[in-house]
């Protein structure tokens, strides 16, 4: 049997029980830690991060059920599988052990071969779970290298459950949006899209764009932040959505509009912000000009684009940006 350097924490207030189990596990190749009380068990688990805990159910002071509950309540120790060791086989005690967070139980007097077999199953399961989690984190974090950021958000309260480093940076850049809760507008958008998915909706992943509160000249961002929403990822994770974000450079988009429609630089800037839904007063503040000047630029833009309304100009600009993005 290959223990693969797994660390086992045995918790029992009877030293003789510890000795028998310690020797069997040590011979099988495990690194063995021991604790004689619930308080000591919590301390050892937090410090050593064992791969599995063998926990006596009935101990004076803090019993095994309370130890398990506390281990599961702490994010640092919650993933560690807990196997109860108990002489109580009545249904109510078995149920209590599982309800406290145990994955299994073995009965006393202990049979080392049975304990080793049960441990092997749960260690393999925990190892696969860690590998899957690590692979998922690596895959999502790799998106950052390509300019994509991602986060998982709980729709019900807008809480960010996980995010890549770039996601935090981008959210703060666009209007100082902070974690761990997304802005109300984003949460409402996610709730609508989640409801559509639950109702059987399909098609392209929904998108939302955030523009900076401050222009780049005042320390804000240059461009907009595109949010792409994906449906629930796994069964049992209903209500949690994956959001992938990418920053679209305002300067690149402005250059594209200038060349596509033969605009001047200022006209291209005005059209870009019109496409982002900004009114003339806001555009004037961003560009450092007056609303009257923005209006004159917009009139020339209408002529060059062959449109008559602001809405039509914005639609033409967005269509061209989608083709070129």
Protein backbone atom coordinates (compact mmCIF):
# COMPACT_ATOMS: atom_id res chain seq x y z
CA UNK A 1 0.00 0.00 0.00
CA UNK A 2 1.33 3.41 -0.99
CA UNK A 3 0.29 6.21 1.37
CA UNK A 4 1.86 8.84 -0.94
CA UNK A 5 3.10 10.83 2.08
CA UNK A 6 -0.45 11.47 3.30
CA UNK A 7 -0.70 12.98 6.78
CA UNK A 8 -3.22 11.48 9.21
CA UNK A 9 -4.37 13.16 12.41
CA UNK A 10 -5.69 10.69 15.05
CA UNK A 11 -7.80 12.21 17.83
CA UNK A 12 -8.53 10.05 20.88
CA UNK A 13 -8.39 10.70 24.61
CA UNK A 14 -7.22 7.12 25.33
CA UNK A 15 -3.44 6.76 24.74
CA UNK A 16 -3.66 2.99 24.24
CA UNK A 17 -6.07 3.47 21.31
CA UNK A 18 -3.69 5.99 19.79
CA UNK A 19 -0.72 3.68 20.10
CA UNK A 20 -2.34 0.74 18.30
CA UNK A 21 -3.61 2.85 15.41
CA UNK A 22 -0.42 4.91 15.23
CA UNK A 23 1.75 1.84 14.73
CA UNK A 24 -0.52 0.38 12.02
CA UNK A 25 -0.63 3.63 10.05
CA UNK A 26 3.07 4.29 10.47
CA UNK A 27 3.86 0.83 9.13
CA UNK A 28 1.59 1.51 6.14
CA UNK A 29 3.68 4.57 5.26
CA UNK A 30 1.52 7.40 6.60
CA UNK A 31 2.82 10.40 8.52
CA UNK A 32 0.88 10.24 11.77
CA UNK A 33 -0.03 13.08 14.14
CA UNK A 34 -1.95 12.60 17.38
CA UNK A 35 -4.17 14.72 19.62
CA UNK A 36 -5.59 13.80 23.04
CA UNK A 37 -8.40 16.38 23.18
CA UNK A 38 -10.78 18.34 21.00
CA UNK A 39 -8.96 21.62 21.57
CA UNK A 40 -5.63 20.03 20.67
CA UNK A 41 -7.18 18.46 17.57
CA UNK A 42 -8.37 21.83 16.25
CA UNK A 43 -4.95 23.35 16.82
CA UNK A 44 -3.10 20.48 15.11
CA UNK A 45 -5.50 20.43 12.17
CA UNK A 46 -5.07 24.14 11.57
CA UNK A 47 -1.27 24.01 11.85
CA UNK A 48 -0.55 20.78 9.98
CA UNK A 49 -3.43 20.66 7.46
CA UNK A 50 -3.65 16.83 7.54
CA UNK A 51 -5.06 14.90 4.60
CA UNK A 52 -7.58 13.07 6.81
CA UNK A 53 -8.73 13.07 10.46
CA UNK A 54 -9.62 9.96 12.46
CA UNK A 55 -11.79 11.35 15.22
CA UNK A 56 -13.04 9.74 18.43
CA UNK A 57 -16.71 10.60 18.87
CA UNK A 58 -16.92 10.43 22.67
CA UNK A 59 -14.32 12.51 24.51
CA UNK A 60 -14.55 14.53 27.73
CA UNK A 61 -14.96 18.26 27.31
CA UNK A 62 -15.27 18.97 23.59
CA UNK A 63 -16.58 15.79 21.99
CA UNK A 64 -15.85 14.62 18.45
CA UNK A 65 -19.12 15.95 17.05
CA UNK A 66 -18.24 19.50 18.12
CA UNK A 67 -14.67 19.12 16.82
CA UNK A 68 -16.02 18.08 13.42
CA UNK A 69 -18.47 20.97 13.31
CA UNK A 70 -15.70 23.45 14.04
CA UNK A 71 -13.39 21.90 11.46
CA UNK A 72 -16.11 22.20 8.83
CA UNK A 73 -16.97 25.76 9.84
CA UNK A 74 -13.40 26.96 9.14
CA UNK A 75 -12.63 27.35 5.42
CA UNK A 76 -9.00 26.37 6.10
CA UNK A 77 -9.93 22.92 7.47
CA UNK A 78 -13.35 22.32 5.90
CA UNK A 79 -12.03 20.23 2.96
CA UNK A 80 -10.30 17.69 5.27
CA UNK A 81 -12.30 14.42 5.37
CA UNK A 82 -13.27 13.30 8.88
CA UNK A 83 -13.80 9.62 9.77
CA UNK A 84 -15.40 9.03 13.16
CA UNK A 85 -14.21 6.30 15.50
CA UNK A 86 -17.00 5.23 17.82
CA UNK A 87 -18.29 2.40 19.94
CA UNK A 88 -21.81 3.74 19.47
CA UNK A 89 -23.54 2.12 16.53
CA UNK A 90 -27.12 3.22 17.16
CA UNK A 91 -28.67 5.05 14.20
CA UNK A 92 -28.93 8.35 16.07
CA UNK A 93 -25.18 8.42 16.71
CA UNK A 94 -24.32 7.52 13.13
CA UNK A 95 -26.65 10.27 11.92
CA UNK A 96 -25.07 12.73 14.36
CA UNK A 97 -21.59 11.86 13.06
CA UNK A 98 -22.59 12.44 9.44
CA UNK A 99 -24.54 15.59 10.30
CA UNK A 100 -21.45 17.01 12.04
CA UNK A 101 -19.50 16.68 8.78
CA UNK A 102 -18.08 13.17 8.94
CA UNK A 103 -17.68 11.25 5.69
CA UNK A 104 -17.65 7.81 7.35
CA UNK A 105 -17.29 5.98 10.66
CA UNK A 106 -15.51 2.89 12.00
CA UNK A 107 -16.56 1.02 15.13
CA UNK A 108 -14.49 0.11 18.16
CA UNK A 109 -12.68 -2.09 18.87
CA UNK A 110 -10.82 -0.88 15.81
CA UNK A 111 -9.57 -3.25 13.15
CA UNK A 112 -6.52 -1.58 11.53
CA UNK A 113 -7.11 -3.28 8.16
CA UNK A 114 -10.67 -1.90 8.02
CA UNK A 115 -9.50 1.58 9.04
CA UNK A 116 -6.81 1.56 6.33
CA UNK A 117 -9.33 0.44 3.69
CA UNK A 118 -11.85 3.14 4.61
CA UNK A 119 -9.15 5.78 4.71
CA UNK A 120 -7.87 4.81 1.28
CA UNK A 121 -11.28 5.44 -0.28
CA UNK A 122 -11.73 8.88 1.27
CA UNK A 123 -8.16 9.99 0.65
CA UNK A 124 -8.51 9.12 -3.03
CA UNK A 125 -11.77 11.08 -3.25
CA UNK A 126 -10.24 14.09 -1.49
CA UNK A 127 -7.17 13.93 -3.72
CA UNK A 128 -9.31 13.98 -6.88
CA UNK A 129 -11.33 16.91 -5.53
CA UNK A 130 -8.14 18.88 -4.82
CA UNK A 131 -6.78 18.14 -8.28
CA UNK A 132 -10.02 19.23 -9.94
CA UNK A 133 -10.14 22.41 -7.90
CA UNK A 134 -6.51 23.19 -8.71
CA UNK A 135 -7.05 22.56 -12.41
CA UNK A 136 -10.11 24.82 -12.42
CA UNK A 137 -8.18 27.59 -10.67
CA UNK A 138 -5.27 27.26 -13.08
CA UNK A 139 -7.58 27.30 -16.10
CA UNK A 140 -9.46 30.38 -14.93
CA UNK A 141 -6.36 32.22 -13.79
CA UNK A 142 -4.78 31.52 -17.17
CA UNK A 143 -7.45 33.74 -18.69
CA UNK A 144 -5.76 36.71 -17.03
CA UNK A 145 -2.71 36.22 -19.24
CA UNK A 146 -4.87 36.83 -22.30
CA UNK A 147 -6.62 39.90 -20.89
CA UNK A 148 -9.71 38.03 -19.74
CA UNK A 149 -10.76 38.16 -16.10
CA UNK A 150 -13.33 35.93 -14.47
CA UNK A 151 -15.34 35.62 -11.29
CA UNK A 152 -18.10 33.43 -9.88
CA UNK A 153 -21.04 35.37 -8.44
CA UNK A 154 -23.99 34.18 -6.36
CA UNK A 155 -27.06 35.64 -8.02
CA UNK A 156 -29.19 35.83 -4.88
CA UNK A 157 -27.08 38.43 -3.07
CA UNK A 158 -24.45 39.43 -5.66
CA UNK A 159 -21.59 38.06 -3.56
CA UNK A 160 -18.36 37.27 -5.41
CA UNK A 161 -17.41 33.72 -4.41
CA UNK A 162 -14.19 33.52 -6.43
CA UNK A 163 -12.26 35.84 -8.74
CA UNK A 164 -8.99 36.12 -10.60
CA UNK A 165 -6.57 38.94 -9.68
CA UNK A 166 -7.35 40.79 -12.92
CA UNK A 167 -11.07 40.75 -12.14
CA UNK A 168 -10.52 42.75 -8.96
CA UNK A 169 -8.32 45.24 -10.80
CA UNK A 170 -10.83 45.80 -13.59
CA UNK A 171 -13.82 46.17 -11.26
CA UNK A 172 -11.97 48.79 -9.23
CA UNK A 173 -10.84 50.60 -12.38
CA UNK A 174 -14.38 50.95 -13.67
CA UNK A 175 -16.05 53.24 -11.19
CA UNK A 176 -14.26 51.95 -8.11
CA UNK A 177 -16.48 48.88 -7.95
CA UNK A 178 -15.48 46.84 -4.95
CA UNK A 179 -15.64 43.22 -3.85
CA UNK A 180 -17.03 41.07 -2.35
CA UNK A 181 -20.40 42.26 -3.73
CA UNK A 182 -21.02 43.34 -7.32
CA UNK A 183 -22.92 46.61 -7.99
CA UNK A 184 -26.72 46.52 -7.87
CA UNK A 185 -27.04 47.11 -11.63
CA UNK A 186 -24.83 44.10 -12.37
CA UNK A 187 -26.69 41.94 -9.87
CA UNK A 188 -30.06 42.87 -11.40
CA UNK A 189 -28.75 42.08 -14.88
CA UNK A 190 -27.46 38.71 -13.70
CA UNK A 191 -30.76 37.90 -11.99
CA UNK A 192 -32.70 38.58 -15.20
CA UNK A 193 -30.36 36.44 -17.27
CA UNK A 194 -30.34 33.64 -14.67
CA UNK A 195 -34.15 33.60 -14.69
CA UNK A 196 -34.07 33.26 -18.48
CA UNK A 197 -31.62 30.36 -18.26
CA UNK A 198 -33.74 28.58 -15.64
CA UNK A 199 -36.78 29.06 -17.89
CA UNK A 200 -34.94 27.27 -20.69
CA UNK A 201 -33.49 30.22 -22.57
CA UNK A 202 -30.59 29.63 -24.94
CA UNK A 203 -28.41 31.45 -27.43
CA UNK A 204 -25.29 33.56 -27.17
CA UNK A 205 -23.98 34.34 -23.68
CA UNK A 206 -25.58 37.64 -22.53
CA UNK A 207 -23.31 40.66 -22.36
CA UNK A 208 -23.17 43.89 -20.42
CA UNK A 209 -20.82 46.87 -20.71
CA UNK A 210 -19.57 49.13 -17.93
CA UNK A 211 -18.08 52.52 -18.74
CA UNK A 212 -15.78 54.41 -16.37
CA UNK A 213 -17.26 57.01 -14.04
CA UNK A 214 -14.17 59.17 -14.55
CA UNK A 215 -12.50 59.83 -17.91
CA UNK A 216 -8.93 58.62 -18.36
CA UNK A 217 -7.59 62.17 -18.03
CA UNK A 218 -8.91 62.29 -14.45
CA UNK A 219 -7.54 58.92 -13.40
CA UNK A 220 -10.36 56.82 -14.77
CA UNK A 221 -10.26 54.08 -17.38
CA UNK A 222 -9.87 54.39 -21.12
CA UNK A 223 -12.65 52.37 -22.74
CA UNK A 224 -15.28 50.06 -21.35
CA UNK A 225 -15.51 46.76 -19.51
CA UNK A 226 -17.41 44.00 -21.29
CA UNK A 227 -19.04 41.37 -19.06
CA UNK A 228 -19.97 38.02 -20.59
CA UNK A 229 -22.36 35.90 -18.55
CA UNK A 230 -22.44 32.11 -18.56
CA UNK A 231 -25.15 29.76 -17.28
CA UNK A 232 -24.85 27.73 -14.03
CA UNK A 233 -21.72 25.57 -14.22
CA UNK A 234 -22.59 22.40 -12.33
CA UNK A 235 -25.68 20.74 -10.96
CA UNK A 236 -25.96 21.84 -7.35
CA UNK A 237 -24.45 25.24 -8.13
CA UNK A 238 -27.74 26.77 -9.23
CA UNK A 239 -27.73 30.47 -8.55
CA UNK A 240 -23.98 30.80 -9.16
CA UNK A 241 -22.87 32.27 -12.48
CA UNK A 242 -19.49 32.61 -14.12
CA UNK A 243 -18.75 36.10 -15.42
CA UNK A 244 -15.86 36.60 -17.87
CA UNK A 245 -14.71 40.18 -18.36
CA UNK A 246 -12.54 41.88 -20.93
CA UNK A 247 -11.48 45.49 -21.14
CA UNK A 248 -12.04 47.13 -24.51
CA UNK A 249 -9.63 49.97 -25.10
CA UNK A 250 -11.36 53.24 -25.83
CA UNK A 251 -8.44 54.53 -27.88
CA UNK A 252 -8.46 51.44 -30.10
CA UNK A 253 -12.22 51.71 -30.63
CA UNK A 254 -11.95 55.42 -31.42
CA UNK A 255 -9.26 54.75 -34.02
CA UNK A 256 -11.47 52.08 -35.58
CA UNK A 257 -14.44 54.47 -35.83
CA UNK A 258 -12.27 57.26 -37.23
CA UNK A 259 -10.93 55.07 -40.02
CA UNK A 260 -14.23 53.31 -40.77
CA UNK A 261 -16.30 56.47 -41.18
CA UNK A 262 -13.61 58.98 -42.27
CA UNK A 263 -14.09 61.07 -39.12
CA UNK A 264 -11.78 63.52 -37.48
CA UNK A 265 -10.22 62.49 -34.19
CA UNK A 266 -12.67 64.57 -32.14
CA UNK A 267 -15.65 63.33 -34.13
CA UNK A 268 -14.56 59.75 -33.54
CA UNK A 269 -14.29 60.41 -29.79
CA UNK A 270 -17.77 61.95 -29.73
CA UNK A 271 -19.24 59.02 -31.65
CA UNK A 272 -17.53 56.53 -29.35
CA UNK A 273 -19.12 58.09 -26.25
CA UNK A 274 -22.49 58.43 -27.98
CA UNK A 275 -22.32 54.68 -28.58
CA UNK A 276 -21.69 54.21 -24.84
CA UNK A 277 -24.95 56.02 -24.07
CA UNK A 278 -23.44 59.29 -22.86
CA UNK A 279 -25.40 62.53 -23.31
CA UNK A 280 -23.80 65.69 -24.75
CA UNK A 281 -23.14 67.23 -21.34
CA UNK A 282 -21.28 64.11 -20.16
CA UNK A 283 -19.28 63.91 -23.39
CA UNK A 284 -18.33 67.58 -23.05
CA UNK A 285 -17.03 66.91 -19.51
CA UNK A 286 -15.04 63.88 -20.71
CA UNK A 287 -13.50 65.70 -23.67
CA UNK A 288 -13.00 69.02 -21.91
CA UNK A 289 -15.20 70.99 -24.31
CA UNK A 290 -18.71 72.45 -24.27
CA UNK A 291 -22.07 70.78 -25.01
CA UNK A 292 -22.47 73.15 -27.95
CA UNK A 293 -19.19 71.96 -29.48
CA UNK A 294 -20.22 68.34 -28.98
CA UNK A 295 -23.52 69.09 -30.71
CA UNK A 296 -21.68 70.52 -33.75
CA UNK A 297 -19.44 67.46 -33.93
CA UNK A 298 -22.52 65.24 -33.75
CA UNK A 299 -24.20 67.10 -36.63
CA UNK A 300 -21.15 66.47 -38.82
CA UNK A 301 -21.11 62.83 -37.72
CA UNK A 302 -24.75 62.43 -38.83
CA UNK A 303 -23.86 63.77 -42.26
CA UNK A 304 -20.83 61.51 -42.69
CA UNK A 305 -22.71 58.41 -41.50
CA UNK A 306 -25.81 59.25 -43.56
CA UNK A 307 -28.11 59.07 -40.52
CA UNK A 308 -30.54 61.52 -38.98
CA UNK A 309 -30.72 60.58 -35.33
CA UNK A 310 -28.40 60.02 -32.40
CA UNK A 311 -29.78 56.50 -31.95
CA UNK A 312 -28.99 55.59 -35.57
CA UNK A 313 -25.44 56.96 -35.21
CA UNK A 314 -24.92 54.90 -32.05
CA UNK A 315 -26.27 51.78 -33.76
CA UNK A 316 -23.91 52.26 -36.71
CA UNK A 317 -20.95 52.73 -34.38
CA UNK A 318 -21.77 49.66 -32.26
CA UNK A 319 -22.24 47.55 -35.36
CA UNK A 320 -18.85 48.56 -36.70
CA UNK A 321 -17.16 47.96 -33.33
CA UNK A 322 -18.64 44.46 -33.15
CA UNK A 323 -17.31 43.65 -36.61
CA UNK A 324 -13.86 44.95 -35.78
CA UNK A 325 -13.61 43.57 -32.17
